[in-house]
Amino acid sequence: METKTEKKLEKTFKILSNTNRLKIIRLLAKGKKEITVNEIAEKIKITQPAASQHLKVLRTAELIKADKKGNNIYYYINTQHIIKQKENIDQLFHNIINP
């Protein structure tokens, strides 16, 4: 039987298996901490609507957050959620290495 943690990890792995979503996470994780959808689209060379769709998926999975400032929405890593997922991944591999 799958645990809640296993289901969350599976969802995270599926979401990050998409190259563009992985690129977005990497972009947000380095350099600028907050970035607009247009900047994301330009930097990873996809259309703005495609970037928006990927951002929606990442937000739904709680991997990123967004704040509206003036006319722009700025996206950034949801550090708390990423740390929790990393702990879950570490535990998974710990169990594999140390059965």
PDB file of N, CA and C in Angstrom:
ATOM      1  N   MET A   1       0.847  -1.182   0.000  1.00  0.00           N
ATOM      2  CA  MET A   1       0.000   0.000   0.000  1.00  0.00           C
ATOM      3  C   MET A   1       0.892   1.245   0.000  1.00  0.00           C
ATOM      4  N   GLU A   2       0.513   2.198  -0.831  1.00  0.00           N
ATOM      5  CA  GLU A   2       1.273   3.445  -0.913  1.00  0.00           C
ATOM      6  C   GLU A   2       0.943   4.359   0.258  1.00  0.00           C
ATOM      7  N   THR A   3       1.981   4.982   0.780  1.00  0.00           N
ATOM      8  CA  THR A   3       1.774   5.965   1.839  1.00  0.00           C
ATOM      9  C   THR A   3       1.532   7.327   1.193  1.00  0.00           C
ATOM     10  N   LYS A   4       1.096   8.258   2.000  1.00  0.00           N
ATOM     11  CA  LYS A   4       0.883   9.634   1.529  1.00  0.00           C
ATOM     12  C   LYS A   4       2.197  10.227   1.004  1.00  0.00           C
ATOM     13  N   THR A   5       3.286   9.946   1.716  1.00  0.00           N
ATOM     14  CA  THR A   5       4.607  10.439   1.309  1.00  0.00           C
ATOM     15  C   THR A   5       4.995   9.877  -0.052  1.00  0.00           C
ATOM     16  N   GLU A   6       4.766   8.584  -0.259  1.00  0.00           N
ATOM     17  CA  GLU A   6       5.097   7.953  -1.541  1.00  0.00           C
ATOM     18  C   GLU A   6       4.286   8.576  -2.684  1.00  0.00           C
ATOM     19  N   LYS A   7       3.043   8.861  -2.434  1.00  0.00           N
ATOM     20  CA  LYS A   7       2.198   9.480  -3.465  1.00  0.00           C
ATOM     21  C   LYS A   7       2.699  10.880  -3.808  1.00  0.00           C
ATOM     22  N   LYS A   8       3.114  11.626  -2.781  1.00  0.00           N
ATOM     23  CA  LYS A   8       3.639  12.976  -3.028  1.00  0.00           C
ATOM     24  C   LYS A   8       4.943  12.916  -3.813  1.00  0.00           C
ATOM     25  N   LEU A   9       5.808  11.974  -3.458  1.00  0.00           N
ATOM     26  CA  LEU A   9       7.064  11.825  -4.194  1.00  0.00           C
ATOM     27  C   LEU A   9       6.807  11.434  -5.644  1.00  0.00           C
ATOM     28  N   GLU A  10       5.889  10.524  -5.855  1.00  0.00           N
ATOM     29  CA  GLU A  10       5.560  10.109  -7.214  1.00  0.00           C
ATOM     30  C   GLU A  10       5.072  11.307  -8.032  1.00  0.00           C
ATOM     31  N   LYS A  11       4.208  12.103  -7.446  1.00  0.00           N
ATOM     32  CA  LYS A  11       3.680  13.292  -8.122  1.00  0.00           C
ATOM     33  C   LYS A  11       4.815  14.265  -8.457  1.00  0.00           C
ATOM     34  N   THR A  12       5.706  14.490  -7.495  1.00  0.00           N
ATOM     35  CA  THR A  12       6.836  15.397  -7.720  1.00  0.00           C
ATOM     36  C   THR A  12       7.728  14.890  -8.842  1.00  0.00           C
ATOM     37  N   PHE A  13       8.057  13.596  -8.814  1.00  0.00           N
ATOM     38  CA  PHE A  13       8.904  13.029  -9.860  1.00  0.00           C
ATOM     39  C   PHE A  13       8.242  13.153 -11.236  1.00  0.00           C
ATOM     40  N   LYS A  14       6.939  12.906 -11.317  1.00  0.00           N
ATOM     41  CA  LYS A  14       6.226  13.027 -12.595  1.00  0.00           C
ATOM     42  C   LYS A  14       6.274  14.466 -13.109  1.00  0.00           C
ATOM     43  N   ILE A  15       6.042  15.409 -12.219  1.00  0.00           N
ATOM     44  CA  ILE A  15       6.045  16.817 -12.618  1.00  0.00           C
ATOM     45  C   ILE A  15       7.424  17.241 -13.093  1.00  0.00           C
ATOM     46  N   LEU A  16       8.457  16.834 -12.384  1.00  0.00           N
ATOM     47  CA  LEU A  16       9.817  17.235 -12.741  1.00  0.00           C
ATOM     48  C   LEU A  16      10.400  16.418 -13.889  1.00  0.00           C
ATOM     49  N   SER A  17       9.673  15.405 -14.351  1.00  0.00           N
ATOM     50  CA  SER A  17      10.158  14.633 -15.496  1.00  0.00           C
ATOM     51  C   SER A  17       9.984  15.401 -16.805  1.00  0.00           C
ATOM     52  N   ASN A  18       9.233  16.490 -16.766  1.00  0.00           N
ATOM     53  CA  ASN A  18       9.077  17.350 -17.934  1.00  0.00           C
ATOM     54  C   ASN A  18      10.269  18.305 -17.998  1.00  0.00           C
ATOM     55  N   THR A  19      10.956  18.309 -19.126  1.00  0.00           N
ATOM     56  CA  THR A  19      12.174  19.104 -19.285  1.00  0.00           C
ATOM     57  C   THR A  19      11.949  20.583 -19.007  1.00  0.00           C
ATOM     58  N   ASN A  20      10.873  21.145 -19.513  1.00  0.00           N
ATOM     59  CA  ASN A  20      10.640  22.579 -19.314  1.00  0.00           C
ATOM     60  C   ASN A  20      10.349  22.917 -17.861  1.00  0.00           C
ATOM     61  N   ARG A  21       9.616  22.062 -17.171  1.00  0.00           N
ATOM     62  CA  ARG A  21       9.352  22.326 -15.751  1.00  0.00           C
ATOM     63  C   ARG A  21      10.639  22.208 -14.943  1.00  0.00           C
ATOM     64  N   LEU A  22      11.464  21.247 -15.287  1.00  0.00           N
ATOM     65  CA  LEU A  22      12.756  21.107 -14.615  1.00  0.00           C
ATOM     66  C   LEU A  22      13.628  22.328 -14.872  1.00  0.00           C
ATOM     67  N   LYS A  23      13.605  22.836 -16.104  1.00  0.00           N
ATOM     68  CA  LYS A  23      14.355  24.054 -16.434  1.00  0.00           C
ATOM     69  C   LYS A  23      13.853  25.245 -15.617  1.00  0.00           C
ATOM     70  N   ILE A  24      12.554  25.337 -15.444  1.00  0.00           N
ATOM     71  CA  ILE A  24      11.979  26.441 -14.654  1.00  0.00           C
ATOM     72  C   ILE A  24      12.463  26.353 -13.204  1.00  0.00           C
ATOM     73  N   ILE A  25      12.419  25.162 -12.624  1.00  0.00           N
ATOM     74  CA  ILE A  25      12.888  24.989 -11.252  1.00  0.00           C
ATOM     75  C   ILE A  25      14.362  25.362 -11.146  1.00  0.00           C
ATOM     76  N   ARG A  26      15.163  24.907 -12.081  1.00  0.00           N
ATOM     77  CA  ARG A  26      16.595  25.232 -12.052  1.00  0.00           C
ATOM     78  C   ARG A  26      16.814  26.733 -12.185  1.00  0.00           C
ATOM     79  N   LEU A  27      16.036  27.375 -13.061  1.00  0.00           N
ATOM     80  CA  LEU A  27      16.149  28.816 -13.247  1.00  0.00           C
ATOM     81  C   LEU A  27      15.800  29.561 -11.963  1.00  0.00           C
ATOM     82  N   LEU A  28      14.717  29.147 -11.325  1.00  0.00           N
ATOM     83  CA  LEU A  28      14.295  29.803 -10.083  1.00  0.00           C
ATOM     84  C   LEU A  28      15.263  29.523  -8.942  1.00  0.00           C
ATOM     85  N   ALA A  29      15.946  28.396  -8.996  1.00  0.00           N
ATOM     86  CA  ALA A  29      16.852  28.010  -7.913  1.00  0.00           C
ATOM     87  C   ALA A  29      18.190  28.739  -7.970  1.00  0.00           C
ATOM     88  N   LYS A  30      18.502  29.317  -9.113  1.00  0.00           N
ATOM     89  CA  LYS A  30      19.778  30.021  -9.213  1.00  0.00           C
ATOM     90  C   LYS A  30      19.532  31.487  -9.549  1.00  0.00           C
ATOM     91  N   GLY A  31      20.500  32.289  -9.308  1.00  0.00           N
ATOM     92  CA  GLY A  31      20.414  33.699  -9.682  1.00  0.00           C
ATOM     93  C   GLY A  31      19.279  34.429  -9.014  1.00  0.00           C
ATOM     94  N   LYS A  32      18.418  35.017  -9.846  1.00  0.00           N
ATOM     95  CA  LYS A  32      17.283  35.771  -9.335  1.00  0.00           C
ATOM     96  C   LYS A  32      16.355  34.854  -8.559  1.00  0.00           C
ATOM     97  N   LYS A  33      15.903  35.321  -7.430  1.00  0.00           N
ATOM     98  CA  LYS A  33      15.010  34.513  -6.609  1.00  0.00           C
ATOM     99  C   LYS A  33      13.557  34.626  -7.061  1.00  0.00           C
ATOM    100  N   GLU A  34      13.200  35.714  -7.719  1.00  0.00           N
ATOM    101  CA  GLU A  34      11.838  35.917  -8.219  1.00  0.00           C
ATOM    102  C   GLU A  34      11.926  36.307  -9.679  1.00  0.00           C
ATOM    103  N   ILE A  35      11.013  35.784 -10.477  1.00  0.00           N
ATOM    104  CA  ILE A  35      11.075  36.055 -11.908  1.00  0.00           C
ATOM    105  C   ILE A  35       9.666  35.999 -12.508  1.00  0.00           C
ATOM    106  N   THR A  36       9.422  36.791 -13.518  1.00  0.00           N
ATOM    107  CA  THR A  36       8.100  36.829 -14.163  1.00  0.00           C
ATOM    108  C   THR A  36       7.985  35.734 -15.218  1.00  0.00           C
ATOM    109  N   VAL A  37       6.751  35.471 -15.612  1.00  0.00           N
ATOM    110  CA  VAL A  37       6.501  34.457 -16.638  1.00  0.00           C
ATOM    111  C   VAL A  37       7.197  34.821 -17.956  1.00  0.00           C
ATOM    112  N   ASN A  38       7.202  36.102 -18.301  1.00  0.00           N
ATOM    113  CA  ASN A  38       7.851  36.511 -19.552  1.00  0.00           C
ATOM    114  C   ASN A  38       9.359  36.276 -19.509  1.00  0.00           C
ATOM    115  N   GLU A  39       9.970  36.549 -18.355  1.00  0.00           N
ATOM    116  CA  GLU A  39      11.407  36.293 -18.200  1.00  0.00           C
ATOM    117  C   GLU A  39      11.703  34.796 -18.279  1.00  0.00           C
ATOM    118  N   ILE A  40      10.846  33.997 -17.675  1.00  0.00           N
ATOM    119  CA  ILE A  40      11.014  32.543 -17.723  1.00  0.00           C
ATOM    120  C   ILE A  40      10.921  32.051 -19.162  1.00  0.00           C
ATOM    121  N   ALA A  41       9.878  32.487 -19.865  1.00  0.00           N
ATOM    122  CA  ALA A  41       9.686  32.060 -21.255  1.00  0.00           C
ATOM    123  C   ALA A  41      10.888  32.427 -22.112  1.00  0.00           C
ATOM    124  N   GLU A  42      11.382  33.645 -21.938  1.00  0.00           N
ATOM    125  CA  GLU A  42      12.529  34.104 -22.717  1.00  0.00           C
ATOM    126  C   GLU A  42      13.778  33.282 -22.408  1.00  0.00           C
ATOM    127  N   LYS A  43      14.033  33.041 -21.133  1.00  0.00           N
ATOM    128  CA  LYS A  43      15.265  32.361 -20.730  1.00  0.00           C
ATOM    129  C   LYS A  43      15.291  30.884 -21.117  1.00  0.00           C
ATOM    130  N   ILE A  44      14.135  30.212 -21.082  1.00  0.00           N
ATOM    131  CA  ILE A  44      14.153  28.790 -21.444  1.00  0.00           C
ATOM    132  C   ILE A  44      13.617  28.546 -22.860  1.00  0.00           C
ATOM    133  N   LYS A  45      13.373  29.644 -23.566  1.00  0.00           N
ATOM    134  CA  LYS A  45      13.020  29.609 -24.982  1.00  0.00           C
ATOM    135  C   LYS A  45      11.739  28.810 -25.279  1.00  0.00           C
ATOM    136  N   ILE A  46      10.672  29.194 -24.560  1.00  0.00           N
ATOM    137  CA  ILE A  46       9.345  28.669 -24.847  1.00  0.00           C
ATOM    138  C   ILE A  46       8.391  29.853 -24.920  1.00  0.00           C
ATOM    139  N   THR A  47       7.186  29.617 -25.383  1.00  0.00           N
ATOM    140  CA  THR A  47       6.212  30.702 -25.468  1.00  0.00           C
ATOM    141  C   THR A  47       5.710  31.061 -24.073  1.00  0.00           C
ATOM    142  N   GLN A  48       5.182  32.270 -23.948  1.00  0.00           N
ATOM    143  CA  GLN A  48       4.635  32.711 -22.669  1.00  0.00           C
ATOM    144  C   GLN A  48       3.452  31.834 -22.240  1.00  0.00           C
ATOM    145  N   PRO A  49       2.528  31.478 -23.158  1.00  0.00           N
ATOM    146  CA  PRO A  49       1.431  30.594 -22.737  1.00  0.00           C
ATOM    147  C   PRO A  49       1.927  29.223 -22.252  1.00  0.00           C
ATOM    148  N   ALA A  50       2.960  28.685 -22.902  1.00  0.00           N
ATOM    149  CA  ALA A  50       3.517  27.396 -22.466  1.00  0.00           C
ATOM    150  C   ALA A  50       4.136  27.544 -21.076  1.00  0.00           C
ATOM    151  N   ALA A  51       4.863  28.625 -20.868  1.00  0.00           N
ATOM    152  CA  ALA A  51       5.466  28.876 -19.554  1.00  0.00           C
ATOM    153  C   ALA A  51       4.383  28.991 -18.489  1.00  0.00           C
ATOM    154  N   SER A  52       3.309  29.682 -18.803  1.00  0.00           N
ATOM    155  CA  SER A  52       2.199  29.837 -17.856  1.00  0.00           C
ATOM    156  C   SER A  52       1.598  28.491 -17.465  1.00  0.00           C
ATOM    157  N   GLN A  53       1.437  27.609 -18.444  1.00  0.00           N
ATOM    158  CA  GLN A  53       0.891  26.275 -18.159  1.00  0.00           C
ATOM    159  C   GLN A  53       1.812  25.481 -17.237  1.00  0.00           C
ATOM    160  N   HIS A  54       3.108  25.534 -17.511  1.00  0.00           N
ATOM    161  CA  HIS A  54       4.068  24.820 -16.661  1.00  0.00           C
ATOM    162  C   HIS A  54       4.086  25.412 -15.249  1.00  0.00           C
ATOM    163  N   LEU A  55       4.011  26.724 -15.148  1.00  0.00           N
ATOM    164  CA  LEU A  55       3.983  27.373 -13.842  1.00  0.00           C
ATOM    165  C   LEU A  55       2.745  26.974 -13.050  1.00  0.00           C
ATOM    166  N   LYS A  56       1.631  26.834 -13.734  1.00  0.00           N
ATOM    167  CA  LYS A  56       0.390  26.412 -13.084  1.00  0.00           C
ATOM    168  C   LYS A  56       0.560  25.016 -12.479  1.00  0.00           C
ATOM    169  N   VAL A  57       1.164  24.118 -13.225  1.00  0.00           N
ATOM    170  CA  VAL A  57       1.399  22.756 -12.727  1.00  0.00           C
ATOM    171  C   VAL A  57       2.328  22.788 -11.512  1.00  0.00           C
ATOM    172  N   LEU A  58       3.396  23.565 -11.611  1.00  0.00           N
ATOM    173  CA  LEU A  58       4.353  23.665 -10.506  1.00  0.00           C
ATOM    174  C   LEU A  58       3.724  24.290  -9.257  1.00  0.00           C
ATOM    175  N   ARG A  59       2.860  25.268  -9.463  1.00  0.00           N
ATOM    176  CA  ARG A  59       2.167  25.896  -8.319  1.00  0.00           C
ATOM    177  C   ARG A  59       1.185  24.932  -7.683  1.00  0.00           C
ATOM    178  N   THR A  60       0.431  24.203  -8.503  1.00  0.00           N
ATOM    179  CA  THR A  60      -0.533  23.233  -7.986  1.00  0.00           C
ATOM    180  C   THR A  60       0.168  22.170  -7.139  1.00  0.00           C
ATOM    181  N   ALA A  61       1.379  21.804  -7.540  1.00  0.00           N
ATOM    182  CA  ALA A  61       2.161  20.808  -6.804  1.00  0.00           C
ATOM    183  C   ALA A  61       2.904  21.428  -5.624  1.00  0.00           C
ATOM    184  N   GLU A  62       2.722  22.723  -5.418  1.00  0.00           N
ATOM    185  CA  GLU A  62       3.329  23.465  -4.319  1.00  0.00           C
ATOM    186  C   GLU A  62       4.856  23.548  -4.397  1.00  0.00           C
ATOM    187  N   LEU A  63       5.417  23.331  -5.587  1.00  0.00           N
ATOM    188  CA  LEU A  63       6.868  23.432  -5.752  1.00  0.00           C
ATOM    189  C   LEU A  63       7.317  24.882  -5.887  1.00  0.00           C
ATOM    190  N   ILE A  64       6.412  25.737  -6.357  1.00  0.00           N
ATOM    191  CA  ILE A  64       6.702  27.170  -6.460  1.00  0.00           C
ATOM    192  C   ILE A  64       5.545  27.953  -5.865  1.00  0.00           C
ATOM    193  N   LYS A  65       5.819  29.222  -5.608  1.00  0.00           N
ATOM    194  CA  LYS A  65       4.797  30.160  -5.143  1.00  0.00           C
ATOM    195  C   LYS A  65       4.831  31.373  -6.057  1.00  0.00           C
ATOM    196  N   ALA A  66       3.842  32.225  -5.912  1.00  0.00           N
ATOM    197  CA  ALA A  66       3.774  33.434  -6.725  1.00  0.00           C
ATOM    198  C   ALA A  66       3.264  34.592  -5.880  1.00  0.00           C
ATOM    199  N   ASP A  67       3.801  35.770  -6.160  1.00  0.00           N
ATOM    200  CA  ASP A  67       3.341  37.002  -5.519  1.00  0.00           C
ATOM    201  C   ASP A  67       3.081  38.036  -6.593  1.00  0.00           C
ATOM    202  N   LYS A  68       1.953  38.703  -6.472  1.00  0.00           N
ATOM    203  CA  LYS A  68       1.636  39.783  -7.399  1.00  0.00           C
ATOM    204  C   LYS A  68       2.201  41.086  -6.838  1.00  0.00           C
ATOM    205  N   LYS A  69       2.981  41.762  -7.676  1.00  0.00           N
ATOM    206  CA  LYS A  69       3.546  43.060  -7.317  1.00  0.00           C
ATOM    207  C   LYS A  69       3.263  44.008  -8.472  1.00  0.00           C
ATOM    208  N   GLY A  70       2.375  44.941  -8.226  1.00  0.00           N
ATOM    209  CA  GLY A  70       1.974  45.841  -9.302  1.00  0.00           C
ATOM    210  C   GLY A  70       1.259  45.053 -10.382  1.00  0.00           C
ATOM    211  N   ASN A  71       1.724  45.198 -11.625  1.00  0.00           N
ATOM    212  CA  ASN A  71       1.107  44.495 -12.745  1.00  0.00           C
ATOM    213  C   ASN A  71       1.736  43.136 -13.024  1.00  0.00           C
ATOM    214  N   ASN A  72       2.758  42.781 -12.286  1.00  0.00           N
ATOM    215  CA  ASN A  72       3.478  41.542 -12.546  1.00  0.00           C
ATOM    216  C   ASN A  72       3.259  40.508 -11.455  1.00  0.00           C
ATOM    217  N   ILE A  73       3.356  39.256 -11.858  1.00  0.00           N
ATOM    218  CA  ILE A  73       3.357  38.145 -10.915  1.00  0.00           C
ATOM    219  C   ILE A  73       4.762  37.580 -10.925  1.00  0.00           C
ATOM    220  N   TYR A  74       5.346  37.465  -9.748  1.00  0.00           N
ATOM    221  CA  TYR A  74       6.706  36.948  -9.603  1.00  0.00           C
ATOM    222  C   TYR A  74       6.652  35.548  -9.009  1.00  0.00           C
ATOM    223  N   TYR A  75       7.367  34.639  -9.641  1.00  0.00           N
ATOM    224  CA  TYR A  75       7.401  33.249  -9.215  1.00  0.00           C
ATOM    225  C   TYR A  75       8.701  32.962  -8.497  1.00  0.00           C
ATOM    226  N   TYR A  76       8.632  32.075  -7.501  1.00  0.00           N
ATOM    227  CA  TYR A  76       9.820  31.719  -6.739  1.00  0.00           C
ATOM    228  C   TYR A  76       9.634  30.324  -6.135  1.00  0.00           C
ATOM    229  N   ILE A  77      10.747  29.731  -5.739  1.00  0.00           N
ATOM    230  CA  ILE A  77      10.748  28.389  -5.158  1.00  0.00           C
ATOM    231  C   ILE A  77      10.014  28.384  -3.824  1.00  0.00           C
ATOM    232  N   ASN A  78       9.206  27.366  -3.597  1.00  0.00           N
ATOM    233  CA  ASN A  78       8.571  27.141  -2.305  1.00  0.00           C
ATOM    234  C   ASN A  78       9.570  26.334  -1.475  1.00  0.00           C
ATOM    235  N   THR A  79      10.451  27.033  -0.819  1.00  0.00           N
ATOM    236  CA  THR A  79      11.574  26.417  -0.116  1.00  0.00           C
ATOM    237  C   THR A  79      11.130  25.373   0.900  1.00  0.00           C
ATOM    238  N   GLN A  80      10.113  25.672   1.668  1.00  0.00           N
ATOM    239  CA  GLN A  80       9.640  24.722   2.682  1.00  0.00           C
ATOM    240  C   GLN A  80       9.240  23.390   2.060  1.00  0.00           C
ATOM    241  N   HIS A  81       8.486  23.464   0.978  1.00  0.00           N
ATOM    242  CA  HIS A  81       8.016  22.237   0.326  1.00  0.00           C
ATOM    243  C   HIS A  81       9.186  21.473  -0.297  1.00  0.00           C
ATOM    244  N   ILE A  82      10.106  22.188  -0.911  1.00  0.00           N
ATOM    245  CA  ILE A  82      11.275  21.550  -1.525  1.00  0.00           C
ATOM    246  C   ILE A  82      12.116  20.847  -0.454  1.00  0.00           C
ATOM    247  N   ILE A  83      12.302  21.476   0.684  1.00  0.00           N
ATOM    248  CA  ILE A  83      13.077  20.865   1.772  1.00  0.00           C
ATOM    249  C   ILE A  83      12.399  19.578   2.237  1.00  0.00           C
ATOM    250  N   LYS A  84      11.085  19.613   2.381  1.00  0.00           N
ATOM    251  CA  LYS A  84      10.345  18.418   2.811  1.00  0.00           C
ATOM    252  C   LYS A  84      10.484  17.303   1.780  1.00  0.00           C
ATOM    253  N   GLN A  85      10.374  17.648   0.507  1.00  0.00           N
ATOM    254  CA  GLN A  85      10.505  16.636  -0.545  1.00  0.00           C
ATOM    255  C   GLN A  85      11.921  16.059  -0.557  1.00  0.00           C
ATOM    256  N   LYS A  86      12.917  16.905  -0.337  1.00  0.00           N
ATOM    257  CA  LYS A  86      14.297  16.424  -0.288  1.00  0.00           C
ATOM    258  C   LYS A  86      14.472  15.443   0.863  1.00  0.00           C
ATOM    259  N   GLU A  87      13.892  15.752   2.012  1.00  0.00           N
ATOM    260  CA  GLU A  87      13.968  14.841   3.153  1.00  0.00           C
ATOM    261  C   GLU A  87      13.320  13.497   2.811  1.00  0.00           C
ATOM    262  N   ASN A  88      12.197  13.534   2.112  1.00  0.00           N
ATOM    263  CA  ASN A  88      11.519  12.301   1.706  1.00  0.00           C
ATOM    264  C   ASN A  88      12.374  11.501   0.724  1.00  0.00           C
ATOM    265  N   ILE A  89      13.019  12.199  -0.216  1.00  0.00           N
ATOM    266  CA  ILE A  89      13.894  11.533  -1.182  1.00  0.00           C
ATOM    267  C   ILE A  89      15.103  10.936  -0.465  1.00  0.00           C
ATOM    268  N   ASP A  90      15.686  11.700   0.454  1.00  0.00           N
ATOM    269  CA  ASP A  90      16.820  11.192   1.233  1.00  0.00           C
ATOM    270  C   ASP A  90      16.426   9.923   1.984  1.00  0.00           C
ATOM    271  N   GLN A  91      15.245   9.922   2.579  1.00  0.00           N
ATOM    272  CA  GLN A  91      14.779   8.757   3.320  1.00  0.00           C
ATOM    273  C   GLN A  91      14.567   7.564   2.387  1.00  0.00           C
ATOM    274  N   LEU A  92      14.023   7.811   1.223  1.00  0.00           N
ATOM    275  CA  LEU A  92      13.820   6.755   0.237  1.00  0.00           C
ATOM    276  C   LEU A  92      15.143   6.089  -0.107  1.00  0.00           C
ATOM    277  N   PHE A  93      16.154   6.882  -0.429  1.00  0.00           N
ATOM    278  CA  PHE A  93      17.445   6.324  -0.802  1.00  0.00           C
ATOM    279  C   PHE A  93      18.173   5.728   0.392  1.00  0.00           C
ATOM    280  N   HIS A  94      17.954   6.266   1.556  1.00  0.00           N
ATOM    281  CA  HIS A  94      18.535   5.685   2.765  1.00  0.00           C
ATOM    282  C   HIS A  94      17.993   4.255   2.944  1.00  0.00           C
ATOM    283  N   ASN A  95      16.698   4.095   2.738  1.00  0.00           N
ATOM    284  CA  ASN A  95      16.087   2.781   2.874  1.00  0.00           C
ATOM    285  C   ASN A  95      16.577   1.801   1.810  1.00  0.00           C
ATOM    286  N   ILE A  96      16.904   2.311   0.634  1.00  0.00           N
ATOM    287  CA  ILE A  96      17.433   1.456  -0.422  1.00  0.00           C
ATOM    288  C   ILE A  96      18.875   1.027  -0.093  1.00  0.00           C
ATOM    289  N   ILE A  97      19.668   1.977   0.364  1.00  0.00           N
ATOM    290  CA  ILE A  97      21.072   1.723   0.665  1.00  0.00           C
ATOM    291  C   ILE A  97      21.223   0.912   1.945  1.00  0.00           C
ATOM    292  N   ASN A  98      20.353   1.170   2.922  1.00  0.00           N
ATOM    293  CA  ASN A  98      20.412   0.500   4.225  1.00  0.00           C
ATOM    294  C   ASN A  98      19.103  -0.236   4.492  1.00  0.00           C
ATOM    295  N   PRO A  99      18.880  -1.365   3.829  1.00  0.00           N
ATOM    296  CA  PRO A  99      17.575  -2.058   3.982  1.00  0.00           C
ATOM    297  C   PRO A  99      17.331  -2.597   5.376  1.00  0.00           C
TER     298      PRO A  99
END
